[in-house]
Structures are given as structure tokens and as C-alpha cells.
């Protein structure tokens, strides 16, 4: 889990630097600990990991059920993994897992650095929120939502089910 925490911290420190103050990113990064991911996993979160050929973790996605058919997700990639399709692959794995578990929608809080990425994945803007960063400080994120359409079988040949 240390590799996941390291990738998370690197993502915050490299990708968010243009959007948030350095000391705020430092406080935010303190929450990226191996225990955080152990706890999430023990509470039912599914975590997908992308590794380099050398075994370094380049990024991860996490998805978990919030209630009924509502799920939350997050994707973090290290600075060296940006714009290589790794984040998209990790998100698709998380979405596929959520769909298999009956998800009807996925919600998340996107950092300002990640808004374009999540829009590309089909998420819609809901509202800006301020989240606690520690030491009484907060950081702005965009709450986003994606409805998952369930595939329906259509009879395009005019036959009644069971007749051929």
C-alpha cells in the first residue's frame, strides 16, 4: 500500500501545483497514507493499480458503494504517467467493477486539476465544494456525477421472445 500512497502524493504534488498553494497540497498529501488504502479496502473498496515494468506504481483507481446503486470513485496517476492512457484505463476498470456490482451512477470530487479528465470520462458538473485539508484549511473541488446506462436487449426482428 506504500506504493499507492506514494503515487497519490506524487499526483497531488505534481498535477495540482498549478491549481493549489504548495502548503495546502502538503497538508492534503498527508492524508495519502498506506493505512488509508488498507482501511478503504477493508470497508469494501476495490482498488486497481497500474505498475511500470520495474514494479513502480504509476497510478491507481478506487471505487466503492456508497448506498444502494450509488458509487464513489477516484483516479490518481503520478506525474510521469500523465497523458499516457493510464488514468483512463484505471477509470474504466473502476467503472466496469461498479457496473458489475449494479451501479446506476458514480459520483466523485474532482480536484481542479482533474476536471477535464473526468469530463472526458463522461462526468457532469454538479457543484463546487470546499473540502477539509487539515489544520482548519480547505481546498476547492468540483463534485461530479456520471449516470450509468444499463444495456437493454431489444428485439429488432419482430419475433416474440421464445419463438425463435
C-alpha atoms as a PDB file:
ATOM      1  CA  UNK A   1       0.000   0.000   0.000  1.00  0.00           C
ATOM      2  CA  UNK A   2       3.009   2.284   0.326  1.00  0.00           C
ATOM      3  CA  UNK A   3       3.342   2.420  -3.467  1.00  0.00           C
ATOM      4  CA  UNK A   4      -0.280   3.542  -3.788  1.00  0.00           C
ATOM      5  CA  UNK A   5       0.244   6.251  -1.170  1.00  0.00           C
ATOM      6  CA  UNK A   6       3.406   7.391  -2.941  1.00  0.00           C
ATOM      7  CA  UNK A   7       1.615   7.625  -6.312  1.00  0.00           C
ATOM      8  CA  UNK A   8      -1.215   9.571  -4.651  1.00  0.00           C
ATOM      9  CA  UNK A   9       1.197  12.072  -3.087  1.00  0.00           C
ATOM     10  CA  UNK A  10       3.106  12.454  -6.354  1.00  0.00           C
ATOM     11  CA  UNK A  11      -0.155  13.080  -8.209  1.00  0.00           C
ATOM     12  CA  UNK A  12      -1.161  15.807  -5.777  1.00  0.00           C
ATOM     13  CA  UNK A  13       2.277  17.422  -5.717  1.00  0.00           C
ATOM     14  CA  UNK A  14       2.901  17.430  -9.470  1.00  0.00           C
ATOM     15  CA  UNK A  15      -0.524  17.724 -11.084  1.00  0.00           C
ATOM     16  CA  UNK A  16      -2.176  20.056  -8.594  1.00  0.00           C
ATOM     17  CA  UNK A  17       0.721  22.520  -8.273  1.00  0.00           C
ATOM     18  CA  UNK A  18      -0.810  24.909 -10.826  1.00  0.00           C
ATOM     19  CA  UNK A  19      -4.165  24.945  -9.025  1.00  0.00           C
ATOM     20  CA  UNK A  20      -3.425  24.970  -5.286  1.00  0.00           C
ATOM     21  CA  UNK A  21      -0.853  26.556  -2.970  1.00  0.00           C
ATOM     22  CA  UNK A  22       2.136  24.357  -2.110  1.00  0.00           C
ATOM     23  CA  UNK A  23       1.489  24.352   1.647  1.00  0.00           C
ATOM     24  CA  UNK A  24      -2.140  23.322   1.053  1.00  0.00           C
ATOM     25  CA  UNK A  25      -1.000  20.458  -1.190  1.00  0.00           C
ATOM     26  CA  UNK A  26       1.435  19.445   1.558  1.00  0.00           C
ATOM     27  CA  UNK A  27      -1.380  19.235   4.113  1.00  0.00           C
ATOM     28  CA  UNK A  28      -3.639  17.425   1.650  1.00  0.00           C
ATOM     29  CA  UNK A  29      -0.867  14.940   0.831  1.00  0.00           C
ATOM     30  CA  UNK A  30      -0.574  13.930   4.490  1.00  0.00           C
ATOM     31  CA  UNK A  31      -3.862  12.041   4.141  1.00  0.00           C
ATOM     32  CA  UNK A  32      -2.314   9.755   1.494  1.00  0.00           C
ATOM     33  CA  UNK A  33      -1.067   7.019   3.807  1.00  0.00           C
ATOM     34  CA  UNK A  34      -0.936   3.233   3.381  1.00  0.00           C
ATOM     35  CA  UNK A  35      -3.418   2.892   6.256  1.00  0.00           C
ATOM     36  CA  UNK A  36      -5.949   4.956   4.308  1.00  0.00           C
ATOM     37  CA  UNK A  37      -5.992   2.372   1.497  1.00  0.00           C
ATOM     38  CA  UNK A  38      -5.936  -0.618   3.854  1.00  0.00           C
ATOM     39  CA  UNK A  39      -8.986   0.814   5.613  1.00  0.00           C
ATOM     40  CA  UNK A  40     -10.771   1.579   2.330  1.00  0.00           C
ATOM     41  CA  UNK A  41     -10.119  -1.961   1.106  1.00  0.00           C
ATOM     42  CA  UNK A  42     -11.332  -3.478   4.385  1.00  0.00           C
ATOM     43  CA  UNK A  43     -14.544  -1.448   4.023  1.00  0.00           C
ATOM     44  CA  UNK A  44     -15.262  -2.867   0.571  1.00  0.00           C
ATOM     45  CA  UNK A  45     -13.425  -0.552  -1.818  1.00  0.00           C
ATOM     46  CA  UNK A  46     -11.962  -2.101  -4.938  1.00  0.00           C
ATOM     47  CA  UNK A  47      -8.566  -0.711  -5.887  1.00  0.00           C
ATOM     48  CA  UNK A  48      -6.929  -1.082  -9.306  1.00  0.00           C
ATOM     49  CA  UNK A  49      -3.220  -0.392  -9.760  1.00  0.00           C
ATOM     50  CA  UNK A  50      -1.044   0.376 -12.793  1.00  0.00           C
ATOM     51  CA  UNK A  51       2.613  -0.614 -12.473  1.00  0.00           C
ATOM     52  CA  UNK A  52       5.667   0.207 -14.549  1.00  0.00           C
ATOM     53  CA  UNK A  53       7.830  -2.547 -15.998  1.00  0.00           C
ATOM     54  CA  UNK A  54      10.027  -2.060 -12.902  1.00  0.00           C
ATOM     55  CA  UNK A  55       7.196  -2.561 -10.414  1.00  0.00           C
ATOM     56  CA  UNK A  56       6.708   1.116  -9.535  1.00  0.00           C
ATOM     57  CA  UNK A  57       3.079   2.120  -9.088  1.00  0.00           C
ATOM     58  CA  UNK A  58       2.169   4.718 -11.693  1.00  0.00           C
ATOM     59  CA  UNK A  59      -1.389   5.234 -10.527  1.00  0.00           C
ATOM     60  CA  UNK A  60      -4.497   3.707  -9.065  1.00  0.00           C
ATOM     61  CA  UNK A  61      -8.257   3.925  -9.080  1.00  0.00           C
ATOM     62  CA  UNK A  62     -10.635   3.231  -6.265  1.00  0.00           C
ATOM     63  CA  UNK A  63     -14.358   2.545  -6.365  1.00  0.00           C
ATOM     64  CA  UNK A  64     -16.791   1.758  -3.577  1.00  0.00           C
ATOM     65  CA  UNK A  65     -20.509   1.535  -2.946  1.00  0.00           C
ATOM     66  CA  UNK A  66     -21.947   4.464  -1.015  1.00  0.00           C
ATOM     67  CA  UNK A  67     -25.535   3.219  -0.834  1.00  0.00           C
ATOM     68  CA  UNK A  68     -27.794   1.049  -2.952  1.00  0.00           C
ATOM     69  CA  UNK A  69     -26.653   1.603  -6.549  1.00  0.00           C
ATOM     70  CA  UNK A  70     -24.615   4.778  -5.919  1.00  0.00           C
ATOM     71  CA  UNK A  71     -20.825   4.506  -6.042  1.00  0.00           C
ATOM     72  CA  UNK A  72     -17.882   6.850  -5.472  1.00  0.00           C
ATOM     73  CA  UNK A  73     -14.648   6.662  -7.398  1.00  0.00           C
ATOM     74  CA  UNK A  74     -11.268   8.369  -7.690  1.00  0.00           C
ATOM     75  CA  UNK A  75      -8.276   8.114 -10.006  1.00  0.00           C
ATOM     76  CA  UNK A  76      -4.747   9.286  -9.235  1.00  0.00           C
ATOM     77  CA  UNK A  77      -1.726   8.969 -11.513  1.00  0.00           C
ATOM     78  CA  UNK A  78       1.844  10.043 -10.899  1.00  0.00           C
ATOM     79  CA  UNK A  79       3.233  12.947 -12.868  1.00  0.00           C
ATOM     80  CA  UNK A  80       5.258  10.615 -15.110  1.00  0.00           C
ATOM     81  CA  UNK A  81       2.102   8.688 -16.080  1.00  0.00           C
ATOM     82  CA  UNK A  82       0.030  11.653 -17.278  1.00  0.00           C
ATOM     83  CA  UNK A  83      -1.367  11.623 -20.828  1.00  0.00           C
ATOM     84  CA  UNK A  84      -0.352   8.015 -21.457  1.00  0.00           C
ATOM     85  CA  UNK A  85      -3.834   6.485 -21.169  1.00  0.00           C
ATOM     86  CA  UNK A  86      -3.116   5.069 -17.721  1.00  0.00           C
ATOM     87  CA  UNK A  87      -5.702   7.197 -15.915  1.00  0.00           C
ATOM     88  CA  UNK A  88      -8.360   6.318 -18.482  1.00  0.00           C
ATOM     89  CA  UNK A  89      -7.575   2.607 -18.194  1.00  0.00           C
ATOM     90  CA  UNK A  90      -7.737   2.809 -14.401  1.00  0.00           C
ATOM     91  CA  UNK A  91     -11.038   4.698 -14.501  1.00  0.00           C
ATOM     92  CA  UNK A  92     -12.551   2.203 -16.958  1.00  0.00           C
ATOM     93  CA  UNK A  93     -11.570  -0.676 -14.672  1.00  0.00           C
ATOM     94  CA  UNK A  94     -13.267   1.065 -11.737  1.00  0.00           C
ATOM     95  CA  UNK A  95     -16.389   1.821 -13.761  1.00  0.00           C
ATOM     96  CA  UNK A  96     -16.563  -1.745 -15.043  1.00  0.00           C
ATOM     97  CA  UNK A  97     -16.323  -3.029 -11.471  1.00  0.00           C
ATOM     98  CA  UNK A  98     -19.074  -0.653 -10.346  1.00  0.00           C
ATOM     99  CA  UNK A  99     -21.322  -1.688 -13.248  1.00  0.00           C
ATOM    100  CA  UNK A 100     -20.797  -5.370 -12.413  1.00  0.00           C
ATOM    101  CA  UNK A 101     -21.917  -4.575  -8.853  1.00  0.00           C
ATOM    102  CA  UNK A 102     -25.113  -2.909 -10.103  1.00  0.00           C
ATOM    103  CA  UNK A 103     -24.090   0.750 -10.106  1.00  0.00           C
ATOM    104  CA  UNK A 104     -26.504   3.224 -11.634  1.00  0.00           C
ATOM    105  CA  UNK A 105     -24.268   6.251 -11.065  1.00  0.00           C
ATOM    106  CA  UNK A 106     -20.792   7.206  -9.935  1.00  0.00           C
ATOM    107  CA  UNK A 107     -20.028  10.414  -8.070  1.00  0.00           C
ATOM    108  CA  UNK A 108     -16.730  11.978  -7.118  1.00  0.00           C
ATOM    109  CA  UNK A 109     -14.994  15.149  -6.010  1.00  0.00           C
ATOM    110  CA  UNK A 110     -12.570  16.230  -8.733  1.00  0.00           C
ATOM    111  CA  UNK A 111      -9.575  18.375  -7.916  1.00  0.00           C
ATOM    112  CA  UNK A 112      -9.376  21.455 -10.115  1.00  0.00           C
ATOM    113  CA  UNK A 113      -6.528  19.715 -11.954  1.00  0.00           C
ATOM    114  CA  UNK A 114      -8.709  16.690 -12.797  1.00  0.00           C
ATOM    115  CA  UNK A 115     -11.916  18.321 -14.051  1.00  0.00           C
ATOM    116  CA  UNK A 116     -11.068  17.985 -17.758  1.00  0.00           C
ATOM    117  CA  UNK A 117     -10.083  14.328 -17.259  1.00  0.00           C
ATOM    118  CA  UNK A 118     -13.399  13.462 -15.635  1.00  0.00           C
ATOM    119  CA  UNK A 119     -15.400  15.422 -18.231  1.00  0.00           C
ATOM    120  CA  UNK A 120     -13.640  13.322 -20.863  1.00  0.00           C
ATOM    121  CA  UNK A 121     -14.827  10.224 -18.984  1.00  0.00           C
ATOM    122  CA  UNK A 122     -18.444  11.453 -19.255  1.00  0.00           C
ATOM    123  CA  UNK A 123     -18.938  13.097 -15.854  1.00  0.00           C
ATOM    124  CA  UNK A 124     -21.221  16.101 -15.477  1.00  0.00           C
ATOM    125  CA  UNK A 125     -20.598  19.079 -13.215  1.00  0.00           C
ATOM    126  CA  UNK A 126     -22.760  19.302 -10.083  1.00  0.00           C
ATOM    127  CA  UNK A 127     -21.327  21.928  -7.741  1.00  0.00           C
ATOM    128  CA  UNK A 128     -18.101  23.304  -6.337  1.00  0.00           C
ATOM    129  CA  UNK A 129     -17.331  22.279  -2.766  1.00  0.00           C
ATOM    130  CA  UNK A 130     -14.697  23.108  -0.179  1.00  0.00           C
ATOM    131  CA  UNK A 131     -13.169  20.042   1.483  1.00  0.00           C
ATOM    132  CA  UNK A 132     -11.141  19.920   4.687  1.00  0.00           C
ATOM    133  CA  UNK A 133      -7.390  19.732   4.104  1.00  0.00           C
ATOM    134  CA  UNK A 134      -6.318  19.710   7.736  1.00  0.00           C
ATOM    135  CA  UNK A 135      -5.331  22.432  10.175  1.00  0.00           C
ATOM    136  CA  UNK A 136      -8.647  24.188   9.559  1.00  0.00           C
ATOM    137  CA  UNK A 137      -7.884  24.743   5.871  1.00  0.00           C
ATOM    138  CA  UNK A 138      -9.916  23.688   2.897  1.00  0.00           C
ATOM    139  CA  UNK A 139      -9.470  23.193  -0.835  1.00  0.00           C
ATOM    140  CA  UNK A 140     -11.922  23.622  -3.683  1.00  0.00           C
ATOM    141  CA  UNK A 141     -13.124  20.621  -5.705  1.00  0.00           C
ATOM    142  CA  UNK A 142     -15.877  20.056  -8.228  1.00  0.00           C
ATOM    143  CA  UNK A 143     -18.481  17.471  -7.305  1.00  0.00           C
ATOM    144  CA  UNK A 144     -19.276  15.488 -10.457  1.00  0.00           C
ATOM    145  CA  UNK A 145     -21.696  12.721 -11.399  1.00  0.00           C
ATOM    146  CA  UNK A 146     -21.976  10.150 -14.165  1.00  0.00           C
ATOM    147  CA  UNK A 147     -25.131   8.162 -14.805  1.00  0.00           C
ATOM    148  CA  UNK A 148     -24.509   4.625 -15.994  1.00  0.00           C
ATOM    149  CA  UNK A 149     -26.940   3.464 -18.630  1.00  0.00           C
ATOM    150  CA  UNK A 150     -27.848  -0.173 -18.392  1.00  0.00           C
ATOM    151  CA  UNK A 151     -27.907  -2.059 -21.650  1.00  0.00           C
ATOM    152  CA  UNK A 152     -31.343  -3.212 -22.760  1.00  0.00           C
ATOM    153  CA  UNK A 153     -31.933  -6.129 -25.051  1.00  0.00           C
ATOM    154  CA  UNK A 154     -34.063  -5.069 -27.979  1.00  0.00           C
ATOM    155  CA  UNK A 155     -35.972  -7.297 -30.277  1.00  0.00           C
ATOM    156  CA  UNK A 156     -35.188  -5.882 -33.708  1.00  0.00           C
ATOM    157  CA  UNK A 157     -36.588  -8.747 -35.773  1.00  0.00           C
ATOM    158  CA  UNK A 158     -40.231  -8.632 -34.727  1.00  0.00           C
ATOM    159  CA  UNK A 159     -40.190 -12.096 -33.160  1.00  0.00           C
ATOM    160  CA  UNK A 160     -41.697 -12.680 -29.758  1.00  0.00           C
ATOM    161  CA  UNK A 161     -39.281 -13.931 -27.085  1.00  0.00           C
ATOM    162  CA  UNK A 162     -39.029 -17.698 -27.121  1.00  0.00           C
ATOM    163  CA  UNK A 163     -40.361 -18.078 -30.656  1.00  0.00           C
ATOM    164  CA  UNK A 164     -37.153 -18.270 -32.483  1.00  0.00           C
END
